Amino acid sequence: MSHYLLCTFFCATFVTTSVQAKDLAENEISLMAFARSSAYYDDRTTALDVVQSYYNAISLGQVARAFSYTLHGTPEEDAGQLQAEYQSFSEAYGNIVEIMVRYGTGFTSAGTGTEVTAIPVIATMLSDNGLRTMYSACHYAVQLSPSAQDYVPFDPIRIDKTLSDAVDGDFTALPMPDCRF
């Protein structure tokens, strides 16, 4: 069952060392853990930075900030529809207190004035009621050419779409999802 899963990253409580990185599967680029005590991280430099920032915001209980990584510069929905989407997102992620994320190697497809980058992840989240869930997800980040944008508000790099499935098994051994376009 696929559904939207939107998240963010960076962790002060777990740092991947070169020895730990060697232990990761060959196609993985990092493993991060976040908790309410994690340091604030907000970076839109690359698609991976945006996805990591997304998980970081969720782990800190900053649901509006996490949701913002999915928004166009100018929202395409009317205010009521946007509020309904935010409410649904908030109900899904507002009670998360801990996240661990394995990031796979992403890839980018560039078109005229637009880049789409796929970031595969395996994420496990712990809610404040003790329920742990695990997802396999593909985050698709879109970046319109900054130099081609001559309008306001500016449309930043953002998570345009996330496809995810609930999974079971060993978090460290689950294969990364196939995020090909």
N, C-alpha and C. Protein backbone atom coordinates (compact mmCIF):
# COMPACT_ATOMS: atom_id res chain seq x y z
N MET A 1 0.85 -1.18 0.00
CA MET A 1 0.00 0.00 0.00
C MET A 1 0.89 1.24 0.00
N SER A 2 0.82 2.02 -1.06
CA SER A 2 1.63 3.23 -1.15
C SER A 2 0.87 4.40 -0.55
N HIS A 3 1.60 5.30 0.07
CA HIS A 3 1.02 6.51 0.61
C HIS A 3 2.12 7.53 0.74
N TYR A 4 1.73 8.76 0.96
CA TYR A 4 2.74 9.80 1.11
C TYR A 4 3.45 9.68 2.44
N LEU A 5 4.75 9.80 2.40
CA LEU A 5 5.57 9.83 3.60
C LEU A 5 6.55 10.96 3.40
N LEU A 6 6.44 11.99 4.18
CA LEU A 6 7.31 13.14 4.03
C LEU A 6 8.13 13.30 5.29
N CYS A 7 9.42 13.48 5.15
CA CYS A 7 10.29 13.46 6.30
C CYS A 7 11.52 14.37 6.17
N THR A 8 12.40 14.50 7.26
CA THR A 8 13.64 15.30 7.27
C THR A 8 14.77 14.71 8.09
N PHE A 9 16.05 15.20 7.94
CA PHE A 9 17.22 14.55 8.50
C PHE A 9 18.19 15.44 9.25
N PHE A 10 19.19 14.90 9.74
CA PHE A 10 20.44 15.33 10.37
C PHE A 10 20.39 15.05 11.84
N CYS A 11 21.47 14.58 12.36
CA CYS A 11 21.41 14.12 13.74
C CYS A 11 22.65 14.46 14.52
N ALA A 12 22.43 14.99 15.68
CA ALA A 12 23.54 15.25 16.59
C ALA A 12 23.82 14.02 17.44
N THR A 13 22.90 13.07 17.47
CA THR A 13 23.07 11.92 18.35
C THR A 13 23.72 10.72 17.66
N PHE A 14 23.87 10.74 16.34
CA PHE A 14 24.51 9.65 15.64
C PHE A 14 25.30 10.22 14.48
N VAL A 15 26.58 9.99 14.47
CA VAL A 15 27.42 10.46 13.39
C VAL A 15 28.03 9.23 12.73
N THR A 16 27.94 9.16 11.42
CA THR A 16 28.50 8.03 10.69
C THR A 16 30.00 8.22 10.56
N THR A 17 30.78 7.31 11.07
CA THR A 17 32.23 7.37 10.93
C THR A 17 32.64 6.61 9.67
N SER A 18 33.88 6.75 9.27
CA SER A 18 34.33 6.03 8.09
C SER A 18 34.26 4.52 8.29
N VAL A 19 34.48 4.04 9.50
CA VAL A 19 34.37 2.60 9.79
C VAL A 19 32.92 2.17 9.66
N GLN A 20 32.00 2.95 10.24
CA GLN A 20 30.58 2.61 10.12
C GLN A 20 30.14 2.67 8.67
N ALA A 21 30.62 3.66 7.92
CA ALA A 21 30.23 3.80 6.52
C ALA A 21 30.63 2.56 5.72
N LYS A 22 31.80 1.95 6.05
CA LYS A 22 32.23 0.74 5.35
C LYS A 22 31.29 -0.42 5.64
N ASP A 23 30.64 -0.40 6.80
CA ASP A 23 29.72 -1.47 7.16
C ASP A 23 28.37 -1.35 6.45
N LEU A 24 28.08 -0.19 5.88
CA LEU A 24 26.82 -0.01 5.17
C LEU A 24 26.87 -0.76 3.84
N ALA A 25 25.70 -1.09 3.34
CA ALA A 25 25.64 -1.73 2.03
C ALA A 25 26.31 -0.83 1.00
N GLU A 26 26.88 -1.42 -0.02
CA GLU A 26 27.67 -0.67 -0.98
C GLU A 26 26.92 0.48 -1.64
N ASN A 27 25.61 0.36 -1.85
CA ASN A 27 24.86 1.40 -2.53
C ASN A 27 24.31 2.47 -1.59
N GLU A 28 24.65 2.41 -0.33
CA GLU A 28 24.12 3.39 0.62
C GLU A 28 25.14 4.48 0.86
N ILE A 29 24.62 5.67 1.14
CA ILE A 29 25.51 6.80 1.36
C ILE A 29 25.57 7.23 2.80
N SER A 30 24.57 6.95 3.61
CA SER A 30 24.63 7.35 5.01
C SER A 30 23.51 6.73 5.82
N LEU A 31 23.71 6.77 7.12
CA LEU A 31 22.71 6.33 8.08
C LEU A 31 22.61 7.43 9.12
N MET A 32 21.42 7.92 9.38
CA MET A 32 21.24 9.00 10.33
C MET A 32 20.15 8.63 11.33
N ALA A 33 20.32 9.11 12.54
CA ALA A 33 19.31 8.94 13.57
C ALA A 33 18.96 10.32 14.10
N PHE A 34 17.70 10.54 14.38
CA PHE A 34 17.23 11.82 14.89
C PHE A 34 16.36 11.59 16.11
N ALA A 35 16.42 12.50 17.01
CA ALA A 35 15.55 12.48 18.18
C ALA A 35 15.22 13.92 18.53
N ARG A 36 14.31 14.09 19.47
CA ARG A 36 13.91 15.45 19.86
C ARG A 36 15.10 16.29 20.33
N SER A 37 16.20 15.63 20.71
CA SER A 37 17.38 16.36 21.16
C SER A 37 18.36 16.65 20.03
N SER A 38 18.03 16.29 18.79
CA SER A 38 18.91 16.53 17.66
C SER A 38 19.11 18.02 17.41
N ALA A 39 20.21 18.34 16.78
CA ALA A 39 20.49 19.72 16.40
C ALA A 39 19.60 20.11 15.22
N TYR A 40 19.23 21.39 15.16
CA TYR A 40 18.43 21.93 14.06
C TYR A 40 19.25 21.88 12.78
N TYR A 41 18.66 21.39 11.71
CA TYR A 41 19.34 21.33 10.42
C TYR A 41 18.35 21.75 9.35
N ASP A 42 18.72 22.75 8.56
CA ASP A 42 17.87 23.28 7.49
C ASP A 42 18.76 23.67 6.33
N ASP A 43 18.76 22.87 5.27
CA ASP A 43 19.63 23.11 4.13
C ASP A 43 18.90 22.71 2.85
N ARG A 44 18.86 23.61 1.89
CA ARG A 44 18.22 23.34 0.59
C ARG A 44 19.24 23.34 -0.53
N THR A 45 20.50 23.03 -0.22
CA THR A 45 21.54 23.07 -1.24
C THR A 45 21.37 21.97 -2.28
N THR A 46 21.09 20.75 -1.83
CA THR A 46 20.91 19.62 -2.74
C THR A 46 19.63 18.88 -2.38
N ALA A 47 19.24 17.97 -3.25
CA ALA A 47 18.05 17.15 -2.96
C ALA A 47 18.24 16.35 -1.68
N LEU A 48 19.42 15.78 -1.48
CA LEU A 48 19.68 15.01 -0.26
C LEU A 48 19.57 15.92 0.97
N ASP A 49 20.11 17.14 0.89
CA ASP A 49 20.01 18.07 2.01
C ASP A 49 18.55 18.37 2.35
N VAL A 50 17.72 18.52 1.34
CA VAL A 50 16.30 18.80 1.58
C VAL A 50 15.63 17.61 2.28
N VAL A 51 15.91 16.41 1.82
CA VAL A 51 15.31 15.22 2.44
C VAL A 51 15.82 15.07 3.87
N GLN A 52 17.09 15.33 4.09
CA GLN A 52 17.63 15.25 5.44
C GLN A 52 17.02 16.32 6.34
N SER A 53 16.84 17.51 5.82
CA SER A 53 16.21 18.59 6.58
C SER A 53 14.78 18.23 6.94
N TYR A 54 14.10 17.59 6.02
CA TYR A 54 12.72 17.15 6.22
C TYR A 54 12.62 16.19 7.42
N TYR A 55 13.49 15.17 7.45
CA TYR A 55 13.46 14.22 8.56
C TYR A 55 13.87 14.88 9.87
N ASN A 56 14.81 15.81 9.81
CA ASN A 56 15.22 16.54 11.00
C ASN A 56 14.04 17.31 11.59
N ALA A 57 13.28 17.99 10.75
CA ALA A 57 12.14 18.76 11.23
C ALA A 57 11.09 17.85 11.89
N ILE A 58 10.82 16.72 11.29
CA ILE A 58 9.85 15.79 11.88
C ILE A 58 10.34 15.33 13.25
N SER A 59 11.62 14.98 13.34
CA SER A 59 12.14 14.47 14.61
C SER A 59 12.09 15.52 15.70
N LEU A 60 12.20 16.79 15.34
CA LEU A 60 12.15 17.88 16.32
C LEU A 60 10.72 18.32 16.63
N GLY A 61 9.74 17.70 16.00
CA GLY A 61 8.34 18.08 16.22
C GLY A 61 7.97 19.36 15.49
N GLN A 62 8.78 19.77 14.52
CA GLN A 62 8.52 20.98 13.74
C GLN A 62 7.79 20.60 12.46
N VAL A 63 6.53 20.26 12.64
CA VAL A 63 5.72 19.69 11.55
C VAL A 63 5.53 20.69 10.41
N ALA A 64 5.28 21.96 10.72
CA ALA A 64 5.09 22.96 9.67
C ALA A 64 6.36 23.12 8.84
N ARG A 65 7.53 23.09 9.49
CA ARG A 65 8.79 23.19 8.74
C ARG A 65 8.96 21.96 7.86
N ALA A 66 8.67 20.77 8.37
CA ALA A 66 8.77 19.55 7.56
C ALA A 66 7.85 19.65 6.35
N PHE A 67 6.63 20.09 6.57
CA PHE A 67 5.66 20.21 5.49
C PHE A 67 6.13 21.23 4.44
N SER A 68 6.85 22.27 4.89
CA SER A 68 7.29 23.32 3.97
C SER A 68 8.27 22.80 2.92
N TYR A 69 8.97 21.71 3.18
CA TYR A 69 9.90 21.16 2.20
C TYR A 69 9.18 20.53 1.01
N THR A 70 7.86 20.45 1.08
CA THR A 70 7.08 19.87 -0.01
C THR A 70 6.32 20.92 -0.80
N LEU A 71 6.45 22.19 -0.43
CA LEU A 71 5.63 23.24 -1.03
C LEU A 71 6.32 23.96 -2.18
N HIS A 72 5.52 24.32 -3.17
CA HIS A 72 5.97 25.20 -4.25
C HIS A 72 6.13 26.59 -3.66
N GLY A 73 6.89 27.45 -4.33
CA GLY A 73 6.98 28.84 -3.90
C GLY A 73 5.61 29.47 -3.83
N THR A 74 4.77 29.19 -4.82
CA THR A 74 3.39 29.63 -4.83
C THR A 74 2.52 28.38 -4.77
N PRO A 75 1.84 28.14 -3.65
CA PRO A 75 1.02 26.93 -3.54
C PRO A 75 0.00 26.83 -4.67
N GLU A 76 -0.15 25.62 -5.20
CA GLU A 76 -1.08 25.39 -6.30
C GLU A 76 -2.50 25.14 -5.81
N GLU A 77 -2.65 24.80 -4.53
CA GLU A 77 -3.96 24.53 -3.98
C GLU A 77 -4.55 25.80 -3.39
N ASP A 78 -5.88 25.78 -3.22
CA ASP A 78 -6.47 26.90 -2.50
C ASP A 78 -6.16 26.74 -1.02
N ALA A 79 -6.39 27.78 -0.25
CA ALA A 79 -6.02 27.79 1.17
C ALA A 79 -6.67 26.65 1.95
N GLY A 80 -7.92 26.34 1.66
CA GLY A 80 -8.62 25.26 2.36
C GLY A 80 -8.01 23.90 2.07
N GLN A 81 -7.68 23.65 0.81
CA GLN A 81 -7.08 22.37 0.43
C GLN A 81 -5.67 22.25 1.04
N LEU A 82 -4.91 23.33 1.02
CA LEU A 82 -3.58 23.32 1.60
C LEU A 82 -3.65 23.05 3.10
N GLN A 83 -4.61 23.66 3.79
CA GLN A 83 -4.77 23.44 5.23
C GLN A 83 -5.16 21.99 5.51
N ALA A 84 -6.01 21.42 4.67
CA ALA A 84 -6.42 20.02 4.85
C ALA A 84 -5.22 19.08 4.66
N GLU A 85 -4.37 19.35 3.67
CA GLU A 85 -3.18 18.54 3.46
C GLU A 85 -2.23 18.66 4.64
N TYR A 86 -2.07 19.88 5.16
CA TYR A 86 -1.20 20.07 6.31
C TYR A 86 -1.76 19.34 7.54
N GLN A 87 -3.05 19.41 7.74
CA GLN A 87 -3.68 18.74 8.89
C GLN A 87 -3.44 17.24 8.83
N SER A 88 -3.60 16.66 7.65
CA SER A 88 -3.35 15.23 7.47
C SER A 88 -1.88 14.89 7.74
N PHE A 89 -0.99 15.71 7.23
CA PHE A 89 0.45 15.52 7.45
C PHE A 89 0.77 15.62 8.94
N SER A 90 0.21 16.61 9.60
CA SER A 90 0.43 16.83 11.03
C SER A 90 -0.05 15.64 11.86
N GLU A 91 -1.19 15.09 11.51
CA GLU A 91 -1.71 13.92 12.22
C GLU A 91 -0.80 12.71 12.03
N ALA A 92 -0.19 12.60 10.85
CA ALA A 92 0.67 11.45 10.56
C ALA A 92 2.04 11.56 11.24
N TYR A 93 2.57 12.78 11.36
CA TYR A 93 3.95 12.93 11.80
C TYR A 93 4.14 13.80 13.04
N GLY A 94 3.10 14.36 13.58
CA GLY A 94 3.21 15.25 14.72
C GLY A 94 3.61 14.58 16.02
N ASN A 95 3.49 13.26 16.10
CA ASN A 95 3.81 12.58 17.35
C ASN A 95 5.10 11.75 17.26
N ILE A 96 5.92 11.98 16.23
CA ILE A 96 7.17 11.24 16.05
C ILE A 96 8.24 11.81 16.98
N VAL A 97 8.91 10.94 17.71
CA VAL A 97 9.94 11.40 18.65
C VAL A 97 11.35 10.90 18.29
N GLU A 98 11.42 9.93 17.38
CA GLU A 98 12.73 9.39 17.00
C GLU A 98 12.64 8.83 15.60
N ILE A 99 13.68 9.07 14.81
CA ILE A 99 13.73 8.57 13.43
C ILE A 99 15.13 8.04 13.16
N MET A 100 15.20 6.91 12.48
CA MET A 100 16.46 6.43 11.91
C MET A 100 16.22 6.28 10.42
N VAL A 101 17.17 6.78 9.64
CA VAL A 101 17.02 6.76 8.18
C VAL A 101 18.29 6.23 7.54
N ARG A 102 18.13 5.27 6.63
CA ARG A 102 19.22 4.83 5.75
C ARG A 102 18.96 5.48 4.41
N TYR A 103 19.96 6.14 3.88
CA TYR A 103 19.84 6.80 2.58
C TYR A 103 20.58 6.00 1.53
N GLY A 104 19.92 5.73 0.42
CA GLY A 104 20.58 5.08 -0.70
C GLY A 104 21.16 6.11 -1.64
N THR A 105 21.87 5.64 -2.62
CA THR A 105 22.45 6.53 -3.61
C THR A 105 21.34 7.05 -4.52
N GLY A 106 21.21 8.36 -4.58
CA GLY A 106 20.20 8.97 -5.43
C GLY A 106 20.69 9.13 -6.85
N PHE A 107 19.80 9.51 -7.72
CA PHE A 107 20.19 9.81 -9.09
C PHE A 107 19.32 10.94 -9.60
N THR A 108 19.85 11.67 -10.59
CA THR A 108 19.19 12.86 -11.09
C THR A 108 18.90 12.73 -12.57
N SER A 109 17.75 13.24 -12.96
CA SER A 109 17.37 13.35 -14.36
C SER A 109 17.13 14.83 -14.63
N ALA A 110 17.84 15.36 -15.60
CA ALA A 110 17.70 16.79 -15.90
C ALA A 110 16.96 16.99 -17.21
N GLY A 111 16.05 17.95 -17.18
CA GLY A 111 15.32 18.34 -18.38
C GLY A 111 15.57 19.82 -18.61
N THR A 112 14.84 20.41 -19.49
CA THR A 112 14.99 21.83 -19.78
C THR A 112 14.55 22.64 -18.57
N GLY A 113 15.52 23.20 -17.86
CA GLY A 113 15.22 24.07 -16.73
C GLY A 113 14.76 23.37 -15.47
N THR A 114 14.76 22.04 -15.44
CA THR A 114 14.28 21.31 -14.26
C THR A 114 15.16 20.09 -14.01
N GLU A 115 15.48 19.86 -12.74
CA GLU A 115 16.16 18.63 -12.33
C GLU A 115 15.25 17.89 -11.37
N VAL A 116 15.14 16.58 -11.54
CA VAL A 116 14.41 15.73 -10.60
C VAL A 116 15.41 14.73 -10.07
N THR A 117 15.52 14.67 -8.74
CA THR A 117 16.45 13.74 -8.10
C THR A 117 15.66 12.77 -7.24
N ALA A 118 15.94 11.50 -7.41
CA ALA A 118 15.29 10.45 -6.61
C ALA A 118 16.23 10.07 -5.47
N ILE A 119 15.70 10.09 -4.24
CA ILE A 119 16.46 9.71 -3.05
C ILE A 119 15.76 8.52 -2.41
N PRO A 120 16.36 7.30 -2.48
CA PRO A 120 15.76 6.14 -1.81
C PRO A 120 16.12 6.13 -0.33
N VAL A 121 15.16 5.73 0.50
CA VAL A 121 15.41 5.65 1.94
C VAL A 121 14.67 4.45 2.54
N ILE A 122 15.21 4.00 3.66
CA ILE A 122 14.51 3.10 4.58
C ILE A 122 14.45 3.90 5.87
N ALA A 123 13.26 4.10 6.41
CA ALA A 123 13.10 4.91 7.63
C ALA A 123 12.29 4.15 8.66
N THR A 124 12.71 4.26 9.90
CA THR A 124 11.94 3.73 11.01
C THR A 124 11.66 4.89 11.96
N MET A 125 10.41 4.99 12.39
CA MET A 125 9.98 6.11 13.22
C MET A 125 9.32 5.58 14.49
N LEU A 126 9.63 6.22 15.60
CA LEU A 126 9.03 5.89 16.88
C LEU A 126 8.13 7.04 17.29
N SER A 127 6.86 6.72 17.60
CA SER A 127 5.92 7.76 18.01
C SER A 127 5.93 7.88 19.53
N ASP A 128 5.33 8.94 20.02
CA ASP A 128 5.32 9.19 21.46
C ASP A 128 4.50 8.14 22.23
N ASN A 129 3.71 7.34 21.53
CA ASN A 129 2.96 6.27 22.22
C ASN A 129 3.68 4.93 22.16
N GLY A 130 4.95 4.93 21.68
CA GLY A 130 5.76 3.72 21.64
C GLY A 130 5.61 2.86 20.40
N LEU A 131 4.78 3.29 19.45
CA LEU A 131 4.58 2.54 18.21
C LEU A 131 5.72 2.83 17.25
N ARG A 132 6.35 1.78 16.75
CA ARG A 132 7.44 1.92 15.78
C ARG A 132 6.93 1.47 14.41
N THR A 133 7.16 2.28 13.39
CA THR A 133 6.79 1.95 12.02
C THR A 133 8.02 2.05 11.14
N MET A 134 8.04 1.25 10.07
CA MET A 134 9.17 1.27 9.15
C MET A 134 8.64 1.39 7.72
N TYR A 135 9.33 2.22 6.92
CA TYR A 135 8.93 2.48 5.55
C TYR A 135 10.10 2.37 4.61
N SER A 136 9.80 1.94 3.42
CA SER A 136 10.71 2.00 2.28
C SER A 136 10.13 3.10 1.40
N ALA A 137 10.94 4.12 1.06
CA ALA A 137 10.37 5.26 0.34
C ALA A 137 11.31 5.80 -0.72
N CYS A 138 10.70 6.40 -1.72
CA CYS A 138 11.42 7.15 -2.74
C CYS A 138 10.94 8.60 -2.65
N HIS A 139 11.87 9.50 -2.34
CA HIS A 139 11.56 10.93 -2.32
C HIS A 139 12.05 11.51 -3.65
N TYR A 140 11.17 12.20 -4.34
CA TYR A 140 11.52 12.84 -5.60
C TYR A 140 11.58 14.34 -5.39
N ALA A 141 12.79 14.88 -5.46
CA ALA A 141 12.98 16.31 -5.24
C ALA A 141 13.10 17.01 -6.60
N VAL A 142 12.44 18.15 -6.70
CA VAL A 142 12.43 18.92 -7.95
C VAL A 142 13.12 20.25 -7.71
N GLN A 143 13.96 20.62 -8.67
CA GLN A 143 14.58 21.94 -8.62
C GLN A 143 14.42 22.59 -9.99
N LEU A 144 13.68 23.70 -9.99
CA LEU A 144 13.58 24.50 -11.19
C LEU A 144 14.84 25.33 -11.28
N SER A 145 15.30 25.61 -12.48
CA SER A 145 16.52 26.39 -12.64
C SER A 145 16.38 27.74 -11.93
N PRO A 146 17.21 27.99 -10.91
CA PRO A 146 17.11 29.27 -10.20
C PRO A 146 17.33 30.47 -11.11
N SER A 147 18.22 30.35 -12.08
CA SER A 147 18.49 31.49 -12.96
C SER A 147 17.37 31.74 -13.96
N ALA A 148 16.51 30.75 -14.18
CA ALA A 148 15.39 30.92 -15.11
C ALA A 148 14.14 31.47 -14.43
N GLN A 149 14.15 31.55 -13.09
CA GLN A 149 12.98 32.04 -12.36
C GLN A 149 13.05 33.57 -12.25
N ASP A 150 12.12 34.22 -12.90
CA ASP A 150 12.04 35.67 -12.84
C ASP A 150 10.66 36.07 -12.32
N TYR A 151 10.31 35.53 -11.17
CA TYR A 151 9.02 35.80 -10.54
C TYR A 151 9.15 35.56 -9.05
N VAL A 152 8.22 36.07 -8.32
CA VAL A 152 8.18 35.84 -6.87
C VAL A 152 6.83 35.24 -6.52
N PRO A 153 6.74 34.44 -5.48
CA PRO A 153 7.87 34.01 -4.68
C PRO A 153 8.72 33.00 -5.43
N PHE A 154 9.99 32.97 -5.06
CA PHE A 154 10.95 32.03 -5.62
C PHE A 154 10.49 30.61 -5.31
N ASP A 155 10.64 29.70 -6.25
CA ASP A 155 10.25 28.30 -6.07
C ASP A 155 11.49 27.49 -5.72
N PRO A 156 11.71 27.16 -4.44
CA PRO A 156 12.93 26.47 -4.03
C PRO A 156 12.91 24.99 -4.37
N ILE A 157 14.08 24.35 -4.26
CA ILE A 157 14.14 22.90 -4.38
C ILE A 157 13.21 22.32 -3.32
N ARG A 158 12.46 21.30 -3.69
CA ARG A 158 11.45 20.76 -2.77
C ARG A 158 11.20 19.28 -3.05
N ILE A 159 10.61 18.61 -2.07
CA ILE A 159 10.19 17.23 -2.26
C ILE A 159 8.85 17.31 -2.98
N ASP A 160 8.84 16.93 -4.23
CA ASP A 160 7.64 17.03 -5.04
C ASP A 160 6.69 15.86 -4.82
N LYS A 161 7.28 14.69 -4.58
CA LYS A 161 6.45 13.49 -4.41
C LYS A 161 7.23 12.48 -3.59
N THR A 162 6.52 11.73 -2.77
CA THR A 162 7.11 10.62 -2.03
C THR A 162 6.21 9.41 -2.20
N LEU A 163 6.82 8.31 -2.60
CA LEU A 163 6.11 7.04 -2.70
C LEU A 163 6.69 6.13 -1.64
N SER A 164 5.84 5.54 -0.82
CA SER A 164 6.35 4.70 0.25
C SER A 164 5.47 3.49 0.49
N ASP A 165 6.09 2.51 1.09
CA ASP A 165 5.40 1.29 1.49
C ASP A 165 5.86 0.93 2.89
N ALA A 166 4.95 0.45 3.71
CA ALA A 166 5.32 -0.07 5.02
C ALA A 166 6.09 -1.37 4.78
N VAL A 167 7.15 -1.58 5.55
CA VAL A 167 7.95 -2.80 5.42
C VAL A 167 8.24 -3.38 6.79
N ASP A 168 8.58 -4.65 6.81
CA ASP A 168 8.98 -5.35 8.02
C ASP A 168 10.34 -5.98 7.76
N GLY A 169 11.05 -6.24 8.82
CA GLY A 169 12.33 -6.92 8.69
C GLY A 169 13.42 -6.20 9.44
N ASP A 170 14.64 -6.59 9.13
CA ASP A 170 15.82 -6.01 9.76
C ASP A 170 16.13 -4.67 9.09
N PHE A 171 16.02 -3.60 9.85
CA PHE A 171 16.23 -2.24 9.33
C PHE A 171 17.56 -2.13 8.58
N THR A 172 18.60 -2.72 9.09
CA THR A 172 19.92 -2.58 8.47
C THR A 172 20.11 -3.45 7.24
N ALA A 173 19.22 -4.44 7.04
CA ALA A 173 19.40 -5.38 5.94
C ALA A 173 18.38 -5.21 4.81
N LEU A 174 17.33 -4.45 5.03
CA LEU A 174 16.32 -4.28 3.98
C LEU A 174 16.94 -3.63 2.75
N PRO A 175 16.59 -4.12 1.56
CA PRO A 175 17.13 -3.51 0.34
C PRO A 175 16.50 -2.13 0.10
N MET A 176 17.27 -1.26 -0.51
CA MET A 176 16.77 0.06 -0.87
C MET A 176 15.70 -0.09 -1.95
N PRO A 177 14.71 0.79 -1.94
CA PRO A 177 13.69 0.73 -2.98
C PRO A 177 14.28 1.13 -4.34
N ASP A 178 13.64 0.66 -5.39
CA ASP A 178 14.03 1.02 -6.75
C ASP A 178 13.29 2.31 -7.09
N CYS A 179 13.99 3.40 -7.18
CA CYS A 179 13.37 4.71 -7.39
C CYS A 179 13.50 5.22 -8.81
N ARG A 180 13.73 4.32 -9.75
CA ARG A 180 13.84 4.76 -11.14
C ARG A 180 12.55 5.45 -11.57
N PHE A 181 12.71 6.42 -12.43
CA PHE A 181 11.56 7.19 -12.93
C PHE A 181 10.70 6.33 -13.83
